[in-house]
PDB file of N, CA and C in Angstrom:
ATOM      1  N   MET A   1      -4.658  42.783   4.833  1.00  0.00           N
ATOM      2  CA  MET A   1      -4.981  41.470   4.314  1.00  0.00           C
ATOM      3  C   MET A   1      -6.325  41.572   3.594  1.00  0.00           C
ATOM      4  N   ARG A   2      -6.358  41.050   2.385  1.00  0.00           N
ATOM      5  CA  ARG A   2      -7.594  41.086   1.614  1.00  0.00           C
ATOM      6  C   ARG A   2      -8.602  40.105   2.209  1.00  0.00           C
ATOM      7  N   PRO A   3      -9.872  40.340   1.987  1.00  0.00           N
ATOM      8  CA  PRO A   3     -10.894  39.466   2.580  1.00  0.00           C
ATOM      9  C   PRO A   3     -10.794  38.020   2.091  1.00  0.00           C
ATOM     10  N   ILE A   4     -10.490  37.811   0.815  1.00  0.00           N
ATOM     11  CA  ILE A   4     -10.399  36.438   0.306  1.00  0.00           C
ATOM     12  C   ILE A   4      -9.217  35.708   0.925  1.00  0.00           C
ATOM     13  N   ALA A   5      -8.122  36.430   1.177  1.00  0.00           N
ATOM     14  CA  ALA A   5      -6.951  35.807   1.813  1.00  0.00           C
ATOM     15  C   ALA A   5      -7.270  35.425   3.249  1.00  0.00           C
ATOM     16  N   ALA A   6      -8.039  36.255   3.929  1.00  0.00           N
ATOM     17  CA  ALA A   6      -8.428  35.941   5.309  1.00  0.00           C
ATOM     18  C   ALA A   6      -9.329  34.719   5.353  1.00  0.00           C
ATOM     19  N   VAL A   7     -10.230  34.619   4.405  1.00  0.00           N
ATOM     20  CA  VAL A   7     -11.116  33.448   4.349  1.00  0.00           C
ATOM     21  C   VAL A   7     -10.311  32.189   4.062  1.00  0.00           C
ATOM     22  N   ARG A   8      -9.376  32.258   3.125  1.00  0.00           N
ATOM     23  CA  ARG A   8      -8.538  31.086   2.820  1.00  0.00           C
ATOM     24  C   ARG A   8      -7.675  30.701   4.015  1.00  0.00           C
ATOM     25  N   TRP A   9      -7.148  31.683   4.725  1.00  0.00           N
ATOM     26  CA  TRP A   9      -6.334  31.390   5.906  1.00  0.00           C
ATOM     27  C   TRP A   9      -7.173  30.684   6.966  1.00  0.00           C
ATOM     28  N   ALA A  10      -8.388  31.159   7.199  1.00  0.00           N
ATOM     29  CA  ALA A  10      -9.281  30.527   8.180  1.00  0.00           C
ATOM     30  C   ALA A  10      -9.663  29.114   7.731  1.00  0.00           C
ATOM     31  N   ALA A  11      -9.909  28.939   6.449  1.00  0.00           N
ATOM     32  CA  ALA A  11     -10.255  27.610   5.938  1.00  0.00           C
ATOM     33  C   ALA A  11      -9.073  26.656   6.045  1.00  0.00           C
ATOM     34  N   ARG A  12      -7.852  27.154   5.787  1.00  0.00           N
ATOM     35  CA  ARG A  12      -6.658  26.309   5.941  1.00  0.00           C
ATOM     36  C   ARG A  12      -6.498  25.846   7.381  1.00  0.00           C
ATOM     37  N   CYS A  13      -6.688  26.770   8.320  1.00  0.00           N
ATOM     38  CA  CYS A  13      -6.579  26.399   9.735  1.00  0.00           C
ATOM     39  C   CYS A  13      -7.632  25.361  10.094  1.00  0.00           C
ATOM     40  N   GLY A  14      -8.847  25.572   9.614  1.00  0.00           N
ATOM     41  CA  GLY A  14      -9.916  24.607   9.877  1.00  0.00           C
ATOM     42  C   GLY A  14      -9.619  23.245   9.276  1.00  0.00           C
ATOM     43  N   TYR A  15      -9.100  23.232   8.058  1.00  0.00           N
ATOM     44  CA  TYR A  15      -8.770  21.966   7.415  1.00  0.00           C
ATOM     45  C   TYR A  15      -7.649  21.245   8.157  1.00  0.00           C
ATOM     46  N   ARG A  16      -6.663  21.993   8.611  1.00  0.00           N
ATOM     47  CA  ARG A  16      -5.570  21.364   9.365  1.00  0.00           C
ATOM     48  C   ARG A  16      -6.079  20.734  10.654  1.00  0.00           C
ATOM     49  N   TRP A  17      -7.032  21.399  11.320  1.00  0.00           N
ATOM     50  CA  TRP A  17      -7.604  20.836  12.546  1.00  0.00           C
ATOM     51  C   TRP A  17      -8.429  19.593  12.248  1.00  0.00           C
ATOM     52  N   ILE A  18      -9.095  19.578  11.125  1.00  0.00           N
ATOM     53  CA  ILE A  18      -9.881  18.396  10.749  1.00  0.00           C
ATOM     54  C   ILE A  18      -8.955  17.274  10.286  1.00  0.00           C
ATOM     55  N   ARG A  19      -7.916  17.619   9.572  1.00  0.00           N
ATOM     56  CA  ARG A  19      -7.017  16.626   8.986  1.00  0.00           C
ATOM     57  C   ARG A  19      -6.126  15.949  10.025  1.00  0.00           C
ATOM     58  N   MET A  20      -5.805  16.624  11.113  1.00  0.00           N
ATOM     59  CA  MET A  20      -4.906  16.070  12.121  1.00  0.00           C
ATOM     60  C   MET A  20      -5.428  14.754  12.715  1.00  0.00           C
ATOM     61  N   PRO A  21      -6.671  14.673  13.200  1.00  0.00           N
ATOM     62  CA  PRO A  21      -7.120  13.378  13.733  1.00  0.00           C
ATOM     63  C   PRO A  21      -7.237  12.299  12.659  1.00  0.00           C
ATOM     64  N   LEU A  22      -7.547  12.687  11.438  1.00  0.00           N
ATOM     65  CA  LEU A  22      -7.604  11.692  10.369  1.00  0.00           C
ATOM     66  C   LEU A  22      -6.219  11.127  10.068  1.00  0.00           C
ATOM     67  N   GLY A  23      -5.207  11.960  10.117  1.00  0.00           N
ATOM     68  CA  GLY A  23      -3.838  11.487   9.932  1.00  0.00           C
ATOM     69  C   GLY A  23      -3.392  10.561  11.050  1.00  0.00           C
ATOM     70  N   LEU A  24      -3.768  10.909  12.279  1.00  0.00           N
ATOM     71  CA  LEU A  24      -3.445  10.028  13.408  1.00  0.00           C
ATOM     72  C   LEU A  24      -4.186   8.701  13.295  1.00  0.00           C
ATOM     73  N   LEU A  25      -5.433   8.756  12.856  1.00  0.00           N
ATOM     74  CA  LEU A  25      -6.192   7.522  12.656  1.00  0.00           C
ATOM     75  C   LEU A  25      -5.504   6.640  11.621  1.00  0.00           C
ATOM     76  N   ASP A  26      -5.026   7.242  10.547  1.00  0.00           N
ATOM     77  CA  ASP A  26      -4.342   6.488   9.506  1.00  0.00           C
ATOM     78  C   ASP A  26      -3.007   5.939   9.982  1.00  0.00           C
ATOM     79  N   ASP A  27      -2.217   6.769  10.652  1.00  0.00           N
ATOM     80  CA  ASP A  27      -0.862   6.364  11.039  1.00  0.00           C
ATOM     81  C   ASP A  27      -0.810   5.446  12.249  1.00  0.00           C
ATOM     82  N   LEU A  28      -1.716   5.607  13.183  1.00  0.00           N
ATOM     83  CA  LEU A  28      -1.630   4.838  14.427  1.00  0.00           C
ATOM     84  C   LEU A  28      -2.681   3.745  14.536  1.00  0.00           C
ATOM     85  N   VAL A  29      -3.919   4.110  14.404  1.00  0.00           N
ATOM     86  CA  VAL A  29      -5.002   3.157  14.683  1.00  0.00           C
ATOM     87  C   VAL A  29      -5.117   2.098  13.595  1.00  0.00           C
ATOM     88  N   LEU A  30      -5.183   2.518  12.342  1.00  0.00           N
ATOM     89  CA  LEU A  30      -5.358   1.538  11.271  1.00  0.00           C
ATOM     90  C   LEU A  30      -4.154   0.621  11.117  1.00  0.00           C
ATOM     91  N   VAL A  31      -2.971   1.131  11.382  1.00  0.00           N
ATOM     92  CA  VAL A  31      -1.771   0.285  11.285  1.00  0.00           C
ATOM     93  C   VAL A  31      -1.800  -0.799  12.355  1.00  0.00           C
ATOM     94  N   ARG A  32      -2.163  -0.425  13.565  1.00  0.00           N
ATOM     95  CA  ARG A  32      -2.196  -1.423  14.650  1.00  0.00           C
ATOM     96  C   ARG A  32      -3.382  -2.359  14.539  1.00  0.00           C
ATOM     97  N   ALA A  33      -4.534  -1.850  14.140  1.00  0.00           N
ATOM     98  CA  ALA A  33      -5.740  -2.672  14.092  1.00  0.00           C
ATOM     99  C   ALA A  33      -5.763  -3.589  12.876  1.00  0.00           C
ATOM    100  N   CYS A  34      -5.375  -3.079  11.728  1.00  0.00           N
ATOM    101  CA  CYS A  34      -5.516  -3.846  10.484  1.00  0.00           C
ATOM    102  C   CYS A  34      -4.197  -4.272   9.874  1.00  0.00           C
ATOM    103  N   GLY A  35      -3.115  -3.610  10.230  1.00  0.00           N
ATOM    104  CA  GLY A  35      -1.829  -3.904   9.613  1.00  0.00           C
ATOM    105  C   GLY A  35      -1.492  -2.840   8.583  1.00  0.00           C
ATOM    106  N   ALA A  36      -0.224  -2.738   8.293  1.00  0.00           N
ATOM    107  CA  ALA A  36       0.249  -1.680   7.384  1.00  0.00           C
ATOM    108  C   ALA A  36      -0.182  -1.913   5.948  1.00  0.00           C
ATOM    109  N   ASP A  37      -0.427  -3.164   5.575  1.00  0.00           N
ATOM    110  CA  ASP A  37      -0.766  -3.456   4.186  1.00  0.00           C
ATOM    111  C   ASP A  37      -2.207  -3.911   4.012  1.00  0.00           C
ATOM    112  N   ALA A  38      -3.093  -3.502   4.907  1.00  0.00           N
ATOM    113  CA  ALA A  38      -4.500  -3.892   4.822  1.00  0.00           C
ATOM    114  C   ALA A  38      -5.206  -3.100   3.722  1.00  0.00           C
ATOM    115  N   PRO A  39      -6.126  -3.745   3.009  1.00  0.00           N
ATOM    116  CA  PRO A  39      -6.880  -3.030   1.975  1.00  0.00           C
ATOM    117  C   PRO A  39      -7.705  -1.869   2.532  1.00  0.00           C
ATOM    118  N   VAL A  40      -8.144  -1.980   3.783  1.00  0.00           N
ATOM    119  CA  VAL A  40      -8.908  -0.900   4.403  1.00  0.00           C
ATOM    120  C   VAL A  40      -8.048   0.359   4.491  1.00  0.00           C
ATOM    121  N   ARG A  41      -6.799   0.176   4.800  1.00  0.00           N
ATOM    122  CA  ARG A  41      -5.909   1.325   4.906  1.00  0.00           C
ATOM    123  C   ARG A  41      -5.665   1.954   3.541  1.00  0.00           C
ATOM    124  N   LEU A  42      -5.573   1.152   2.503  1.00  0.00           N
ATOM    125  CA  LEU A  42      -5.404   1.700   1.166  1.00  0.00           C
ATOM    126  C   LEU A  42      -6.612   2.535   0.742  1.00  0.00           C
ATOM    127  N   VAL A  43      -7.795   2.071   1.092  1.00  0.00           N
ATOM    128  CA  VAL A  43      -9.012   2.827   0.778  1.00  0.00           C
ATOM    129  C   VAL A  43      -9.032   4.134   1.561  1.00  0.00           C
ATOM    130  N   PHE A  44      -8.692   4.067   2.845  1.00  0.00           N
ATOM    131  CA  PHE A  44      -8.653   5.274   3.667  1.00  0.00           C
ATOM    132  C   PHE A  44      -7.597   6.248   3.154  1.00  0.00           C
ATOM    133  N   ASP A  45      -6.443   5.730   2.758  1.00  0.00           N
ATOM    134  CA  ASP A  45      -5.392   6.580   2.187  1.00  0.00           C
ATOM    135  C   ASP A  45      -5.881   7.264   0.914  1.00  0.00           C
ATOM    136  N   ARG A  46      -6.605   6.529   0.083  1.00  0.00           N
ATOM    137  CA  ARG A  46      -7.107   7.116  -1.160  1.00  0.00           C
ATOM    138  C   ARG A  46      -8.074   8.258  -0.850  1.00  0.00           C
ATOM    139  N   ALA A  47      -8.919   8.084   0.172  1.00  0.00           N
ATOM    140  CA  ALA A  47      -9.843   9.152   0.565  1.00  0.00           C
ATOM    141  C   ALA A  47      -9.075  10.375   1.080  1.00  0.00           C
ATOM    142  N   LEU A  48      -8.043  10.150   1.885  1.00  0.00           N
ATOM    143  CA  LEU A  48      -7.228  11.267   2.378  1.00  0.00           C
ATOM    144  C   LEU A  48      -6.493  11.982   1.243  1.00  0.00           C
ATOM    145  N   ILE A  49      -6.029  11.226   0.273  1.00  0.00           N
ATOM    146  CA  ILE A  49      -5.342  11.827  -0.870  1.00  0.00           C
ATOM    147  C   ILE A  49      -6.293  12.750  -1.625  1.00  0.00           C
ATOM    148  N   GLU A  50      -7.501  12.280  -1.864  1.00  0.00           N
ATOM    149  CA  GLU A  50      -8.469  13.102  -2.586  1.00  0.00           C
ATOM    150  C   GLU A  50      -8.850  14.347  -1.783  1.00  0.00           C
ATOM    151  N   CYS A  51      -8.996  14.202  -0.475  1.00  0.00           N
ATOM    152  CA  CYS A  51      -9.300  15.365   0.373  1.00  0.00           C
ATOM    153  C   CYS A  51      -8.145  16.370   0.341  1.00  0.00           C
ATOM    154  N   ASP A  52      -6.923  15.891   0.438  1.00  0.00           N
ATOM    155  CA  ASP A  52      -5.764  16.791   0.400  1.00  0.00           C
ATOM    156  C   ASP A  52      -5.629  17.482  -0.954  1.00  0.00           C
ATOM    157  N   ARG A  53      -5.884  16.749  -2.027  1.00  0.00           N
ATOM    158  CA  ARG A  53      -5.810  17.370  -3.354  1.00  0.00           C
ATOM    159  C   ARG A  53      -6.879  18.452  -3.520  1.00  0.00           C
ATOM    160  N   LEU A  54      -8.081  18.168  -3.042  1.00  0.00           N
ATOM    161  CA  LEU A  54      -9.154  19.149  -3.131  1.00  0.00           C
ATOM    162  C   LEU A  54      -8.826  20.382  -2.289  1.00  0.00           C
ATOM    163  N   ALA A  55      -8.313  20.157  -1.090  1.00  0.00           N
ATOM    164  CA  ALA A  55      -7.943  21.285  -0.227  1.00  0.00           C
ATOM    165  C   ALA A  55      -6.808  22.090  -0.852  1.00  0.00           C
ATOM    166  N   ALA A  56      -5.858  21.419  -1.460  1.00  0.00           N
ATOM    167  CA  ALA A  56      -4.748  22.127  -2.101  1.00  0.00           C
ATOM    168  C   ALA A  56      -5.253  22.996  -3.247  1.00  0.00           C
ATOM    169  N   ARG A  57      -6.217  22.478  -3.983  1.00  0.00           N
ATOM    170  CA  ARG A  57      -6.742  23.228  -5.114  1.00  0.00           C
ATOM    171  C   ARG A  57      -7.633  24.387  -4.656  1.00  0.00           C
ATOM    172  N   LEU A  58      -8.545  24.129  -3.724  1.00  0.00           N
ATOM    173  CA  LEU A  58      -9.491  25.154  -3.293  1.00  0.00           C
ATOM    174  C   LEU A  58      -8.858  26.215  -2.402  1.00  0.00           C
ATOM    175  N   LEU A  59      -7.966  25.773  -1.517  1.00  0.00           N
ATOM    176  CA  LEU A  59      -7.387  26.689  -0.545  1.00  0.00           C
ATOM    177  C   LEU A  59      -6.030  27.235  -0.988  1.00  0.00           C
ATOM    178  N   ASP A  60      -5.559  26.768  -2.119  1.00  0.00           N
ATOM    179  CA  ASP A  60      -4.253  27.186  -2.631  1.00  0.00           C
ATOM    180  C   ASP A  60      -3.174  26.958  -1.565  1.00  0.00           C
ATOM    181  N   ASP A  61      -3.165  25.706  -1.047  1.00  0.00           N
ATOM    182  CA  ASP A  61      -2.270  25.353   0.046  1.00  0.00           C
ATOM    183  C   ASP A  61      -1.212  24.373  -0.445  1.00  0.00           C
ATOM    184  N   PRO A  62       0.042  24.802  -0.556  1.00  0.00           N
ATOM    185  CA  PRO A  62       1.092  23.889  -1.032  1.00  0.00           C
ATOM    186  C   PRO A  62       1.400  22.765  -0.042  1.00  0.00           C
ATOM    187  N   ALA A  63       1.138  22.975   1.239  1.00  0.00           N
ATOM    188  CA  ALA A  63       1.382  21.914   2.223  1.00  0.00           C
ATOM    189  C   ALA A  63       0.429  20.743   1.984  1.00  0.00           C
ATOM    190  N   CYS A  64      -0.806  21.031   1.637  1.00  0.00           N
ATOM    191  CA  CYS A  64      -1.766  19.966   1.334  1.00  0.00           C
ATOM    192  C   CYS A  64      -1.361  19.210   0.072  1.00  0.00           C
ATOM    193  N   ALA A  65      -0.873  19.934  -0.923  1.00  0.00           N
ATOM    194  CA  ALA A  65      -0.431  19.292  -2.163  1.00  0.00           C
ATOM    195  C   ALA A  65       0.762  18.374  -1.894  1.00  0.00           C
ATOM    196  N   ALA A  66       1.693  18.822  -1.075  1.00  0.00           N
ATOM    197  CA  ALA A  66       2.863  17.995  -0.742  1.00  0.00           C
ATOM    198  C   ALA A  66       2.444  16.764   0.061  1.00  0.00           C
ATOM    199  N   ARG A  67       1.512  16.959   1.002  1.00  0.00           N
ATOM    200  CA  ARG A  67       1.030  15.833   1.806  1.00  0.00           C
ATOM    201  C   ARG A  67       0.316  14.816   0.922  1.00  0.00           C
ATOM    202  N   ALA A  68      -0.475  15.289  -0.039  1.00  0.00           N
ATOM    203  CA  ALA A  68      -1.162  14.385  -0.962  1.00  0.00           C
ATOM    204  C   ALA A  68      -0.166  13.620  -1.817  1.00  0.00           C
ATOM    205  N   ALA A  69       0.880  14.287  -2.284  1.00  0.00           N
ATOM    206  CA  ALA A  69       1.886  13.616  -3.110  1.00  0.00           C
ATOM    207  C   ALA A  69       2.644  12.557  -2.317  1.00  0.00           C
ATOM    208  N   ASP A  70       3.010  12.861  -1.082  1.00  0.00           N
ATOM    209  CA  ASP A  70       3.716  11.888  -0.242  1.00  0.00           C
ATOM    210  C   ASP A  70       2.836  10.680   0.062  1.00  0.00           C
ATOM    211  N   LEU A  71       1.593  10.947   0.406  1.00  0.00           N
ATOM    212  CA  LEU A  71       0.666   9.859   0.722  1.00  0.00           C
ATOM    213  C   LEU A  71       0.371   9.015  -0.510  1.00  0.00           C
ATOM    214  N   CYS A  72       0.294   9.656  -1.655  1.00  0.00           N
ATOM    215  CA  CYS A  72       0.055   8.933  -2.906  1.00  0.00           C
ATOM    216  C   CYS A  72       1.242   8.027  -3.242  1.00  0.00           C
ATOM    217  N   ALA A  73       2.443   8.518  -3.051  1.00  0.00           N
ATOM    218  CA  ALA A  73       3.633   7.700  -3.321  1.00  0.00           C
ATOM    219  C   ALA A  73       3.683   6.494  -2.393  1.00  0.00           C
ATOM    220  N   ARG A  74       3.395   6.698  -1.113  1.00  0.00           N
ATOM    221  CA  ARG A  74       3.389   5.580  -0.159  1.00  0.00           C
ATOM    222  C   ARG A  74       2.301   4.578  -0.489  1.00  0.00           C
ATOM    223  N   SER A  75       1.126   5.070  -0.812  1.00  0.00           N
ATOM    224  CA  SER A  75       0.004   4.200  -1.128  1.00  0.00           C
ATOM    225  C   SER A  75       0.246   3.409  -2.409  1.00  0.00           C
ATOM    226  N   ASP A  76       0.806   4.065  -3.429  1.00  0.00           N
ATOM    227  CA  ASP A  76       1.095   3.372  -4.683  1.00  0.00           C
ATOM    228  C   ASP A  76       2.149   2.290  -4.495  1.00  0.00           C
ATOM    229  N   ALA A  77       3.183   2.591  -3.722  1.00  0.00           N
ATOM    230  CA  ALA A  77       4.227   1.593  -3.471  1.00  0.00           C
ATOM    231  C   ALA A  77       3.650   0.378  -2.748  1.00  0.00           C
ATOM    232  N   LEU A  78       2.774   0.617  -1.798  1.00  0.00           N
ATOM    233  CA  LEU A  78       2.150  -0.482  -1.063  1.00  0.00           C
ATOM    234  C   LEU A  78       1.220  -1.283  -1.964  1.00  0.00           C
ATOM    235  N   ARG A  79       0.462  -0.597  -2.804  1.00  0.00           N
ATOM    236  CA  ARG A  79      -0.457  -1.289  -3.709  1.00  0.00           C
ATOM    237  C   ARG A  79       0.312  -2.159  -4.697  1.00  0.00           C
ATOM    238  N   TYR A  80       1.417  -1.654  -5.228  1.00  0.00           N
ATOM    239  CA  TYR A  80       2.216  -2.444  -6.170  1.00  0.00           C
ATOM    240  C   TYR A  80       2.866  -3.643  -5.480  1.00  0.00           C
ATOM    241  N   ALA A  81       3.306  -3.447  -4.245  1.00  0.00           N
ATOM    242  CA  ALA A  81       3.895  -4.567  -3.497  1.00  0.00           C
ATOM    243  C   ALA A  81       2.855  -5.651  -3.237  1.00  0.00           C
ATOM    244  N   LEU A  82       1.643  -5.246  -2.920  1.00  0.00           N
ATOM    245  CA  LEU A  82       0.570  -6.224  -2.709  1.00  0.00           C
ATOM    246  C   LEU A  82       0.216  -6.947  -4.002  1.00  0.00           C
ATOM    247  N   ALA A  83       0.283  -6.247  -5.110  1.00  0.00           N
ATOM    248  CA  ALA A  83      -0.029  -6.879  -6.391  1.00  0.00           C
ATOM    249  C   ALA A  83       1.049  -7.874  -6.797  1.00  0.00           C
ATOM    250  N   ARG A  84       2.299  -7.594  -6.439  1.00  0.00           N
ATOM    251  CA  ARG A  84       3.401  -8.506  -6.789  1.00  0.00           C
ATOM    252  C   ARG A  84       3.456  -9.720  -5.868  1.00  0.00           C
ATOM    253  N   SER A  85       2.890  -9.637  -4.699  1.00  0.00           N
ATOM    254  CA  SER A  85       2.993 -10.706  -3.718  1.00  0.00           C
ATOM    255  C   SER A  85       2.411 -12.032  -4.205  1.00  0.00           C
ATOM    256  N   PRO A  86       1.205 -12.083  -4.782  1.00  0.00           N
ATOM    257  CA  PRO A  86       0.705 -13.380  -5.260  1.00  0.00           C
ATOM    258  C   PRO A  86       1.580 -13.987  -6.359  1.00  0.00           C
ATOM    259  N   ARG A  87       2.142 -13.150  -7.211  1.00  0.00           N
ATOM    260  CA  ARG A  87       3.014 -13.655  -8.262  1.00  0.00           C
ATOM    261  C   ARG A  87       4.268 -14.296  -7.674  1.00  0.00           C
ATOM    262  N   ARG A  88       4.825 -13.665  -6.644  1.00  0.00           N
ATOM    263  CA  ARG A  88       6.008 -14.216  -5.986  1.00  0.00           C
ATOM    264  C   ARG A  88       5.671 -15.560  -5.333  1.00  0.00           C
ATOM    265  N   LEU A  89       4.506 -15.647  -4.709  1.00  0.00           N
ATOM    266  CA  LEU A  89       4.095 -16.915  -4.110  1.00  0.00           C
ATOM    267  C   LEU A  89       3.918 -17.995  -5.171  1.00  0.00           C
ATOM    268  N   GLN A  90       3.364 -17.622  -6.312  1.00  0.00           N
ATOM    269  CA  GLN A  90       3.188 -18.580  -7.397  1.00  0.00           C
ATOM    270  C   GLN A  90       4.534 -19.071  -7.908  1.00  0.00           C
ATOM    271  N   GLN A  91       5.508 -18.181  -8.041  1.00  0.00           N
ATOM    272  CA  GLN A  91       6.835 -18.581  -8.502  1.00  0.00           C
ATOM    273  C   GLN A  91       7.505 -19.517  -7.504  1.00  0.00           C
ATOM    274  N   GLN A  92       7.386 -19.217  -6.207  1.00  0.00           N
ATOM    275  CA  GLN A  92       7.972 -20.087  -5.191  1.00  0.00           C
ATOM    276  C   GLN A  92       7.297 -21.452  -5.204  1.00  0.00           C
ATOM    277  N   SER A  93       5.991 -21.469  -5.381  1.00  0.00           N
ATOM    278  CA  SER A  93       5.260 -22.727  -5.438  1.00  0.00           C
ATOM    279  C   SER A  93       5.667 -23.551  -6.660  1.00  0.00           C
ATOM    280  N   ASP A  94       5.846 -22.887  -7.786  1.00  0.00           N
ATOM    281  CA  ASP A  94       6.285 -23.589  -9.001  1.00  0.00           C
ATOM    282  C   ASP A  94       7.675 -24.177  -8.828  1.00  0.00           C
ATOM    283  N   MET A  95       8.586 -23.444  -8.183  1.00  0.00           N
ATOM    284  CA  MET A  95       9.942 -23.960  -7.948  1.00  0.00           C
ATOM    285  C   MET A  95       9.888 -25.174  -7.020  1.00  0.00           C
ATOM    286  N   TRP A  96       9.089 -25.094  -5.978  1.00  0.00           N
ATOM    287  CA  TRP A  96       8.966 -26.204  -5.036  1.00  0.00           C
ATOM    288  C   TRP A  96       8.406 -27.439  -5.731  1.00  0.00           C
ATOM    289  N   LEU A  97       7.380 -27.232  -6.564  1.00  0.00           N
ATOM    290  CA  LEU A  97       6.772 -28.335  -7.285  1.00  0.00           C
ATOM    291  C   LEU A  97       7.760 -28.964  -8.276  1.00  0.00           C
ATOM    292  N   ALA A  98       8.517 -28.149  -8.982  1.00  0.00           N
ATOM    293  CA  ALA A  98       9.505 -28.673  -9.932  1.00  0.00           C
ATOM    294  C   ALA A  98      10.579 -29.476  -9.209  1.00  0.00           C
ATOM    295  N   ARG A  99      11.010 -29.008  -8.049  1.00  0.00           N
ATOM    296  CA  ARG A  99      12.019 -29.731  -7.289  1.00  0.00           C
ATOM    297  C   ARG A  99      11.488 -31.105  -6.845  1.00  0.00           C
ATOM    298  N   HIS A 100      10.258 -31.146  -6.377  1.00  0.00           N
ATOM    299  CA  HIS A 100       9.700 -32.420  -5.926  1.00  0.00           C
ATOM    300  C   HIS A 100       9.408 -33.360  -7.094  1.00  0.00           C
ATOM    301  N   ARG A 101       9.050 -32.817  -8.226  1.00  0.00           N
ATOM    302  CA  ARG A 101       8.863 -33.676  -9.403  1.00  0.00           C
ATOM    303  C   ARG A 101      10.183 -34.317  -9.806  1.00  0.00           C
ATOM    304  N   ALA A 102      11.262 -33.523  -9.765  1.00  0.00           N
ATOM    305  CA  ALA A 102      12.576 -34.055 -10.114  1.00  0.00           C
ATOM    306  C   ALA A 102      12.989 -35.156  -9.141  1.00  0.00           C
ATOM    307  N   LEU A 103      12.734 -34.948  -7.842  1.00  0.00           N
ATOM    308  CA  LEU A 103      13.050 -35.990  -6.859  1.00  0.00           C
ATOM    309  C   LEU A 103      12.217 -37.244  -7.098  1.00  0.00           C
ATOM    310  N   PHE A 104      10.960 -37.061  -7.425  1.00  0.00           N
ATOM    311  CA  PHE A 104      10.082 -38.200  -7.690  1.00  0.00           C
ATOM    312  C   PHE A 104      10.573 -38.994  -8.904  1.00  0.00           C
ATOM    313  N   ARG A 105      10.930 -38.280  -9.979  1.00  0.00           N
ATOM    314  CA  ARG A 105      11.417 -38.968 -11.180  1.00  0.00           C
ATOM    315  C   ARG A 105      12.720 -39.709 -10.905  1.00  0.00           C
ATOM    316  N   GLU A 106      13.586 -39.100 -10.107  1.00  0.00           N
ATOM    317  CA  GLU A 106      14.852 -39.754  -9.766  1.00  0.00           C
ATOM    318  C   GLU A 106      14.599 -41.029  -8.968  1.00  0.00           C
ATOM    319  N   ARG A 107      13.679 -40.977  -8.042  1.00  0.00           N
ATOM    320  CA  ARG A 107      13.354 -42.177  -7.256  1.00  0.00           C
ATOM    321  C   ARG A 107      12.715 -43.249  -8.131  1.00  0.00           C
ATOM    322  N   GLN A 108      11.874 -42.823  -9.058  1.00  0.00           N
ATOM    323  CA  GLN A 108      11.244 -43.787  -9.959  1.00  0.00           C
ATOM    324  C   GLN A 108      12.291 -44.480 -10.833  1.00  0.00           C
ATOM    325  N   LEU A 109      13.252 -43.702 -11.323  1.00  0.00           N
ATOM    326  CA  LEU A 109      14.302 -44.305 -12.159  1.00  0.00           C
ATOM    327  C   LEU A 109      15.156 -45.269 -11.355  1.00  0.00           C
ATOM    328  N   ARG A 110      15.439 -44.913 -10.109  1.00  0.00           N
ATOM    329  CA  ARG A 110      16.243 -45.806  -9.258  1.00  0.00           C
ATOM    330  C   ARG A 110      15.494 -47.088  -8.940  1.00  0.00           C
ATOM    331  N   SER A 111      14.205 -46.998  -8.725  1.00  0.00           N
ATOM    332  CA  SER A 111      13.450 -48.204  -8.355  1.00  0.00           C
ATOM    333  C   SER A 111      13.194 -49.098  -9.563  1.00  0.00           C
ATOM    334  N   TRP A 112      13.183 -48.545 -10.766  1.00  0.00           N
ATOM    335  CA  TRP A 112      12.925 -49.349 -11.967  1.00  0.00           C
ATOM    336  C   TRP A 112      14.199 -49.850 -12.620  1.00  0.00           C
ATOM    337  N   SER A 113      15.316 -49.269 -12.308  1.00  0.00           N
ATOM    338  CA  SER A 113      16.549 -49.723 -12.957  1.00  0.00           C
ATOM    339  C   SER A 113      16.945 -51.070 -12.378  1.00  0.00           C
ATOM    340  N   PRO A 114      17.416 -51.941 -13.251  1.00  0.00           N
ATOM    341  CA  PRO A 114      17.816 -53.271 -12.749  1.00  0.00           C
ATOM    342  C   PRO A 114      19.075 -53.184 -11.915  1.00  0.00           C
ATOM    343  N   GLY A 115      19.085 -53.917 -10.839  1.00  0.00           N
ATOM    344  CA  GLY A 115      20.243 -53.934  -9.946  1.00  0.00           C
ATOM    345  C   GLY A 115      21.304 -54.869 -10.469  1.00  0.00           C
ATOM    346  N   PRO A 116      22.457 -54.933  -9.792  1.00  0.00           N
ATOM    347  CA  PRO A 116      23.532 -55.841 -10.207  1.00  0.00           C
ATOM    348  C   PRO A 116      23.087 -57.296 -10.032  1.00  0.00           C
ATOM    349  N   GLN A 117      23.360 -58.101 -11.024  1.00  0.00           N
ATOM    350  CA  GLN A 117      22.959 -59.504 -10.968  1.00  0.00           C
ATOM    351  C   GLN A 117      24.121 -60.427 -11.101  1.00  0.00           C
TER     352      GLN A 117
END
């Protein structure tokens, strides 16, 4: 084994030991404490993604690259869902308001129309 390969192997093992508690913190603690869609978790995920990408590049570790890609896909999907949520609420609110306006106008027309005489 060449010396550089031995150093990379030792660094990969060290990174895996460091990364394991951070992954557990992300998957277990932050989900229970803040919720799956909390902004704090998105920030933490972004930090883990950058760490995994750096480790993949420096240590030439395909497992880190795959982990970064998976985490990035999950984080992006969650971020897009959070961005769409206010728009969906606005659409539901607009539909509710339009329905009540229509009911109000119908009642106004009924109360102003002359009855049978």
